[in-house]
């Protein structure tokens, strides 16, 4: 849905997340639609840029704790309008994805 609406305004299609296991390449490589800017043992910084906005995501491990910081810089009116519904939606999306990652579902026993 995001791609269909945003493409009309010149926003690059992202095609969603692959959802599969990914072997991180190196700085300068891609992780889905993000550019890997920094890659260390406990920290990864990703960016995505277009003419409407720049996004930077920093994921850092501190023991068993995961810190995720997102920064968005808008460049024009469309970028600002785009972020109005996207900001709260991204909080939910990140929470759901982390929950799925950290609390994998346990198969239900077969009735029988």
N, C-alpha and C. Protein backbone atom coordinates (compact mmCIF):
# COMPACT_ATOMS: atom_id res chain seq x y z
N UNK A 1 0.83 -1.18 0.00
CA UNK A 1 0.00 0.00 0.00
C UNK A 1 0.88 1.25 0.00
N UNK A 2 1.93 1.24 0.81
CA UNK A 2 2.84 2.38 0.90
C UNK A 2 3.44 2.69 -0.46
N UNK A 3 3.91 1.66 -1.16
CA UNK A 3 4.54 1.86 -2.47
C UNK A 3 3.55 2.42 -3.48
N UNK A 4 2.33 1.90 -3.49
CA UNK A 4 1.33 2.33 -4.47
C UNK A 4 0.99 3.81 -4.32
N UNK A 5 0.86 4.27 -3.09
CA UNK A 5 0.52 5.68 -2.86
C UNK A 5 1.74 6.57 -3.05
N UNK A 6 2.84 6.21 -2.44
CA UNK A 6 4.03 7.07 -2.45
C UNK A 6 4.68 7.19 -3.82
N UNK A 7 4.59 6.15 -4.64
CA UNK A 7 5.22 6.18 -5.97
C UNK A 7 4.66 7.31 -6.82
N UNK A 8 3.42 7.68 -6.58
CA UNK A 8 2.80 8.79 -7.33
C UNK A 8 3.48 10.12 -7.05
N UNK A 9 4.21 10.19 -5.95
CA UNK A 9 4.89 11.43 -5.56
C UNK A 9 6.41 11.33 -5.73
N UNK A 10 6.85 10.32 -6.47
CA UNK A 10 8.27 10.19 -6.76
C UNK A 10 9.08 9.51 -5.68
N UNK A 11 8.42 8.83 -4.76
CA UNK A 11 9.13 8.12 -3.69
C UNK A 11 9.54 6.75 -4.23
N UNK A 12 10.78 6.38 -3.97
CA UNK A 12 11.30 5.09 -4.42
C UNK A 12 10.51 3.94 -3.78
N UNK A 13 10.14 2.97 -4.60
CA UNK A 13 9.45 1.78 -4.09
C UNK A 13 10.42 0.97 -3.22
N UNK A 14 9.93 0.48 -2.09
CA UNK A 14 10.80 -0.30 -1.22
C UNK A 14 10.49 -1.79 -1.29
N UNK A 15 9.30 -2.14 -1.70
CA UNK A 15 8.97 -3.56 -1.86
C UNK A 15 8.89 -4.33 -0.57
N UNK A 16 8.87 -3.66 0.56
CA UNK A 16 8.75 -4.35 1.84
C UNK A 16 10.04 -5.02 2.27
N UNK A 17 9.94 -5.80 3.31
CA UNK A 17 11.08 -6.52 3.86
C UNK A 17 11.07 -7.95 3.35
N UNK A 18 12.24 -8.50 3.09
CA UNK A 18 12.33 -9.85 2.56
C UNK A 18 11.83 -10.88 3.57
N UNK A 19 12.06 -10.64 4.85
CA UNK A 19 11.58 -11.56 5.89
C UNK A 19 12.44 -12.79 6.07
N UNK A 20 13.37 -13.02 5.20
CA UNK A 20 14.23 -14.19 5.31
C UNK A 20 15.48 -13.89 6.11
N UNK A 21 16.22 -14.94 6.42
CA UNK A 21 17.49 -14.76 7.09
C UNK A 21 18.45 -14.07 6.14
N UNK A 22 19.20 -13.13 6.67
CA UNK A 22 20.10 -12.35 5.85
C UNK A 22 21.50 -12.46 6.41
N UNK A 23 22.45 -12.69 5.55
CA UNK A 23 23.84 -12.64 5.95
C UNK A 23 24.33 -11.25 5.60
N UNK A 24 24.67 -10.48 6.62
CA UNK A 24 25.10 -9.10 6.38
C UNK A 24 26.41 -9.09 5.63
N UNK A 25 26.43 -8.29 4.59
CA UNK A 25 27.65 -8.23 3.78
C UNK A 25 28.68 -7.34 4.47
N UNK A 26 28.68 -6.09 4.13
CA UNK A 26 29.68 -5.18 4.68
C UNK A 26 29.15 -3.77 4.56
N UNK A 27 29.88 -2.84 5.13
CA UNK A 27 29.52 -1.43 4.99
C UNK A 27 29.46 -1.11 3.50
N UNK A 28 28.40 -0.43 3.09
CA UNK A 28 28.19 -0.12 1.69
C UNK A 28 27.26 -1.10 1.00
N UNK A 29 26.97 -2.24 1.66
CA UNK A 29 26.04 -3.22 1.11
C UNK A 29 24.61 -2.83 1.43
N UNK A 30 23.69 -3.66 0.98
CA UNK A 30 22.27 -3.40 1.18
C UNK A 30 21.67 -4.42 2.14
N UNK A 31 20.71 -3.98 2.93
CA UNK A 31 19.87 -4.83 3.76
C UNK A 31 18.45 -4.43 3.40
N UNK A 32 17.80 -5.23 2.58
CA UNK A 32 16.55 -4.85 1.94
C UNK A 32 16.75 -3.51 1.24
N UNK A 33 16.01 -2.48 1.61
CA UNK A 33 16.14 -1.19 0.93
C UNK A 33 17.07 -0.23 1.68
N UNK A 34 17.70 -0.69 2.75
CA UNK A 34 18.60 0.16 3.53
C UNK A 34 20.05 -0.02 3.06
N UNK A 35 20.82 1.04 3.15
CA UNK A 35 22.25 1.01 2.94
C UNK A 35 22.91 0.77 4.30
N UNK A 36 23.84 -0.18 4.37
CA UNK A 36 24.56 -0.44 5.62
C UNK A 36 25.68 0.59 5.73
N UNK A 37 25.54 1.49 6.69
CA UNK A 37 26.51 2.57 6.88
C UNK A 37 27.60 2.19 7.88
N UNK A 38 27.22 1.41 8.89
CA UNK A 38 28.15 1.03 9.96
C UNK A 38 27.77 -0.36 10.43
N UNK A 39 28.76 -1.20 10.62
CA UNK A 39 28.50 -2.57 11.04
C UNK A 39 29.60 -3.00 11.99
N UNK A 40 29.21 -3.19 13.25
CA UNK A 40 30.16 -3.61 14.29
C UNK A 40 29.56 -4.79 15.04
N UNK A 41 30.27 -5.30 16.02
CA UNK A 41 29.78 -6.46 16.78
C UNK A 41 28.45 -6.18 17.46
N UNK A 42 28.28 -4.98 18.00
CA UNK A 42 27.07 -4.68 18.77
C UNK A 42 26.26 -3.52 18.20
N UNK A 43 26.64 -3.00 17.05
CA UNK A 43 25.94 -1.84 16.50
C UNK A 43 25.86 -1.92 14.98
N UNK A 44 24.69 -1.54 14.47
CA UNK A 44 24.50 -1.45 13.03
C UNK A 44 23.75 -0.16 12.74
N UNK A 45 24.21 0.57 11.73
CA UNK A 45 23.55 1.80 11.32
C UNK A 45 23.15 1.65 9.87
N UNK A 46 21.87 1.92 9.61
CA UNK A 46 21.30 1.78 8.28
C UNK A 46 20.72 3.12 7.84
N UNK A 47 20.75 3.42 6.53
CA UNK A 47 20.15 4.65 6.02
C UNK A 47 19.34 4.36 4.76
N UNK A 48 18.38 5.22 4.52
CA UNK A 48 17.62 5.24 3.28
C UNK A 48 17.35 6.71 2.98
N UNK A 49 17.67 7.13 1.77
CA UNK A 49 17.54 8.55 1.42
C UNK A 49 16.79 8.70 0.10
N UNK A 50 15.94 9.72 0.04
CA UNK A 50 15.36 10.13 -1.23
C UNK A 50 15.14 11.64 -1.19
N UNK A 51 14.48 12.17 -2.20
CA UNK A 51 14.36 13.63 -2.26
C UNK A 51 13.39 14.20 -1.23
N UNK A 52 12.58 13.34 -0.61
CA UNK A 52 11.60 13.80 0.37
C UNK A 52 12.08 13.70 1.81
N UNK A 53 12.87 12.67 2.09
CA UNK A 53 13.35 12.50 3.46
C UNK A 53 14.55 11.56 3.52
N UNK A 54 15.30 11.68 4.60
CA UNK A 54 16.41 10.79 4.91
C UNK A 54 16.08 10.07 6.21
N UNK A 55 16.32 8.76 6.23
CA UNK A 55 16.04 7.94 7.41
C UNK A 55 17.34 7.29 7.85
N UNK A 56 17.61 7.34 9.15
CA UNK A 56 18.75 6.64 9.71
C UNK A 56 18.25 5.80 10.88
N UNK A 57 18.62 4.52 10.87
CA UNK A 57 18.24 3.59 11.93
C UNK A 57 19.52 3.06 12.56
N UNK A 58 19.60 3.13 13.87
CA UNK A 58 20.73 2.58 14.60
C UNK A 58 20.20 1.49 15.53
N UNK A 59 20.74 0.30 15.39
CA UNK A 59 20.36 -0.84 16.22
C UNK A 59 21.58 -1.22 17.03
N UNK A 60 21.43 -1.21 18.35
CA UNK A 60 22.56 -1.46 19.24
C UNK A 60 22.18 -2.48 20.31
N UNK A 61 23.07 -3.45 20.51
CA UNK A 61 22.87 -4.46 21.55
C UNK A 61 23.68 -4.05 22.77
N UNK A 62 23.04 -4.16 23.92
CA UNK A 62 23.71 -3.89 25.19
C UNK A 62 23.35 -5.05 26.11
N UNK A 63 24.14 -6.11 26.05
CA UNK A 63 23.80 -7.33 26.78
C UNK A 63 22.56 -7.93 26.15
N UNK A 64 21.51 -8.10 26.95
CA UNK A 64 20.24 -8.64 26.44
C UNK A 64 19.29 -7.54 25.99
N UNK A 65 19.72 -6.32 26.06
CA UNK A 65 18.88 -5.18 25.72
C UNK A 65 19.16 -4.72 24.28
N UNK A 66 18.10 -4.42 23.54
CA UNK A 66 18.23 -3.90 22.18
C UNK A 66 17.75 -2.45 22.19
N UNK A 67 18.58 -1.56 21.70
CA UNK A 67 18.21 -0.16 21.55
C UNK A 67 18.07 0.13 20.07
N UNK A 68 16.93 0.69 19.68
CA UNK A 68 16.70 1.07 18.30
C UNK A 68 16.38 2.55 18.28
N UNK A 69 17.18 3.28 17.52
CA UNK A 69 16.99 4.72 17.39
C UNK A 69 16.73 5.02 15.92
N UNK A 70 15.68 5.78 15.65
CA UNK A 70 15.37 6.18 14.29
C UNK A 70 15.40 7.70 14.21
N UNK A 71 15.99 8.18 13.14
CA UNK A 71 16.05 9.62 12.90
C UNK A 71 15.57 9.88 11.48
N UNK A 72 14.67 10.85 11.34
CA UNK A 72 14.15 11.20 10.03
C UNK A 72 14.33 12.69 9.82
N UNK A 73 14.89 13.06 8.69
CA UNK A 73 15.02 14.46 8.30
C UNK A 73 14.18 14.64 7.05
N UNK A 74 13.17 15.50 7.13
CA UNK A 74 12.32 15.75 5.97
C UNK A 74 12.89 16.91 5.17
N UNK A 75 12.69 16.85 3.85
CA UNK A 75 13.24 17.87 2.95
C UNK A 75 12.19 18.78 2.33
N UNK A 76 10.92 18.37 2.41
CA UNK A 76 9.89 19.17 1.75
C UNK A 76 8.53 18.85 2.38
N UNK A 77 7.49 19.48 1.83
CA UNK A 77 6.14 19.32 2.37
C UNK A 77 5.67 17.87 2.28
N UNK A 78 5.94 17.20 1.17
CA UNK A 78 5.51 15.81 1.05
C UNK A 78 6.17 14.95 2.13
N UNK A 79 7.46 15.16 2.39
CA UNK A 79 8.14 14.41 3.43
C UNK A 79 7.50 14.61 4.80
N UNK A 80 7.12 15.85 5.09
CA UNK A 80 6.47 16.13 6.38
C UNK A 80 5.08 15.49 6.44
N UNK A 81 4.30 15.60 5.36
CA UNK A 81 2.97 14.99 5.34
C UNK A 81 3.05 13.47 5.41
N UNK A 82 4.03 12.90 4.74
CA UNK A 82 4.23 11.46 4.74
C UNK A 82 4.46 10.94 6.16
N UNK A 83 5.22 11.70 6.95
CA UNK A 83 5.57 11.24 8.29
C UNK A 83 4.42 11.31 9.28
N UNK A 84 3.36 12.06 8.99
CA UNK A 84 2.24 12.16 9.94
C UNK A 84 1.64 10.79 10.24
N UNK A 85 1.24 9.99 9.23
CA UNK A 85 0.72 8.65 9.56
C UNK A 85 1.82 7.61 9.76
N UNK A 86 2.97 7.85 9.15
CA UNK A 86 4.03 6.84 9.17
C UNK A 86 4.70 6.73 10.54
N UNK A 87 4.92 7.85 11.21
CA UNK A 87 5.63 7.81 12.50
C UNK A 87 4.96 6.87 13.50
N UNK A 88 3.67 7.02 13.79
CA UNK A 88 3.06 6.08 14.74
C UNK A 88 2.98 4.65 14.20
N UNK A 89 2.79 4.51 12.88
CA UNK A 89 2.72 3.17 12.30
C UNK A 89 4.06 2.44 12.43
N UNK A 90 5.16 3.16 12.26
CA UNK A 90 6.47 2.53 12.37
C UNK A 90 6.74 2.03 13.78
N UNK A 91 6.28 2.75 14.78
CA UNK A 91 6.46 2.27 16.16
C UNK A 91 5.80 0.90 16.33
N UNK A 92 4.60 0.77 15.80
CA UNK A 92 3.88 -0.50 15.91
C UNK A 92 4.57 -1.59 15.08
N UNK A 93 4.98 -1.25 13.87
CA UNK A 93 5.64 -2.23 13.01
C UNK A 93 6.93 -2.75 13.66
N UNK A 94 7.74 -1.85 14.19
CA UNK A 94 9.00 -2.27 14.83
C UNK A 94 8.70 -3.14 16.04
N UNK A 95 7.74 -2.76 16.85
CA UNK A 95 7.38 -3.54 18.03
C UNK A 95 6.93 -4.94 17.62
N UNK A 96 6.07 -5.04 16.60
CA UNK A 96 5.58 -6.35 16.16
C UNK A 96 6.70 -7.20 15.59
N UNK A 97 7.60 -6.60 14.81
CA UNK A 97 8.70 -7.35 14.22
C UNK A 97 9.66 -7.85 15.31
N UNK A 98 9.96 -7.01 16.28
CA UNK A 98 10.85 -7.44 17.37
C UNK A 98 10.19 -8.54 18.20
N UNK A 99 8.92 -8.40 18.43
CA UNK A 99 8.21 -9.43 19.19
C UNK A 99 8.26 -10.76 18.44
N UNK A 100 8.05 -10.71 17.13
CA UNK A 100 8.10 -11.91 16.30
C UNK A 100 9.50 -12.52 16.33
N UNK A 101 10.52 -11.67 16.30
CA UNK A 101 11.90 -12.14 16.31
C UNK A 101 12.28 -12.74 17.66
N UNK A 102 11.90 -12.07 18.73
CA UNK A 102 12.35 -12.46 20.06
C UNK A 102 11.44 -13.48 20.74
N UNK A 103 10.20 -13.55 20.33
CA UNK A 103 9.26 -14.49 20.93
C UNK A 103 8.66 -15.36 19.84
N UNK A 104 9.47 -16.23 19.26
CA UNK A 104 8.94 -17.07 18.18
C UNK A 104 7.78 -17.92 18.67
N UNK A 105 6.86 -18.16 17.78
CA UNK A 105 5.69 -18.95 18.18
C UNK A 105 6.10 -20.40 18.38
N UNK A 106 5.52 -20.98 19.38
CA UNK A 106 5.75 -22.40 19.67
C UNK A 106 4.65 -23.18 18.97
N UNK A 107 5.02 -24.21 18.20
CA UNK A 107 3.97 -24.97 17.51
C UNK A 107 2.97 -25.55 18.50
N UNK A 108 1.71 -25.47 18.13
CA UNK A 108 0.66 -26.02 18.98
C UNK A 108 0.66 -27.53 18.84
N UNK A 109 0.43 -28.25 19.94
CA UNK A 109 0.36 -29.72 19.84
C UNK A 109 -0.87 -30.11 19.04
N UNK A 110 -0.73 -31.19 18.28
CA UNK A 110 -1.84 -31.69 17.48
C UNK A 110 -2.87 -32.34 18.38
N UNK A 111 -4.11 -32.02 18.11
CA UNK A 111 -5.20 -32.67 18.88
C UNK A 111 -5.34 -34.11 18.38
N UNK A 112 -5.58 -35.00 19.27
CA UNK A 112 -5.74 -36.28 18.72
C UNK A 112 -5.78 -37.44 19.53
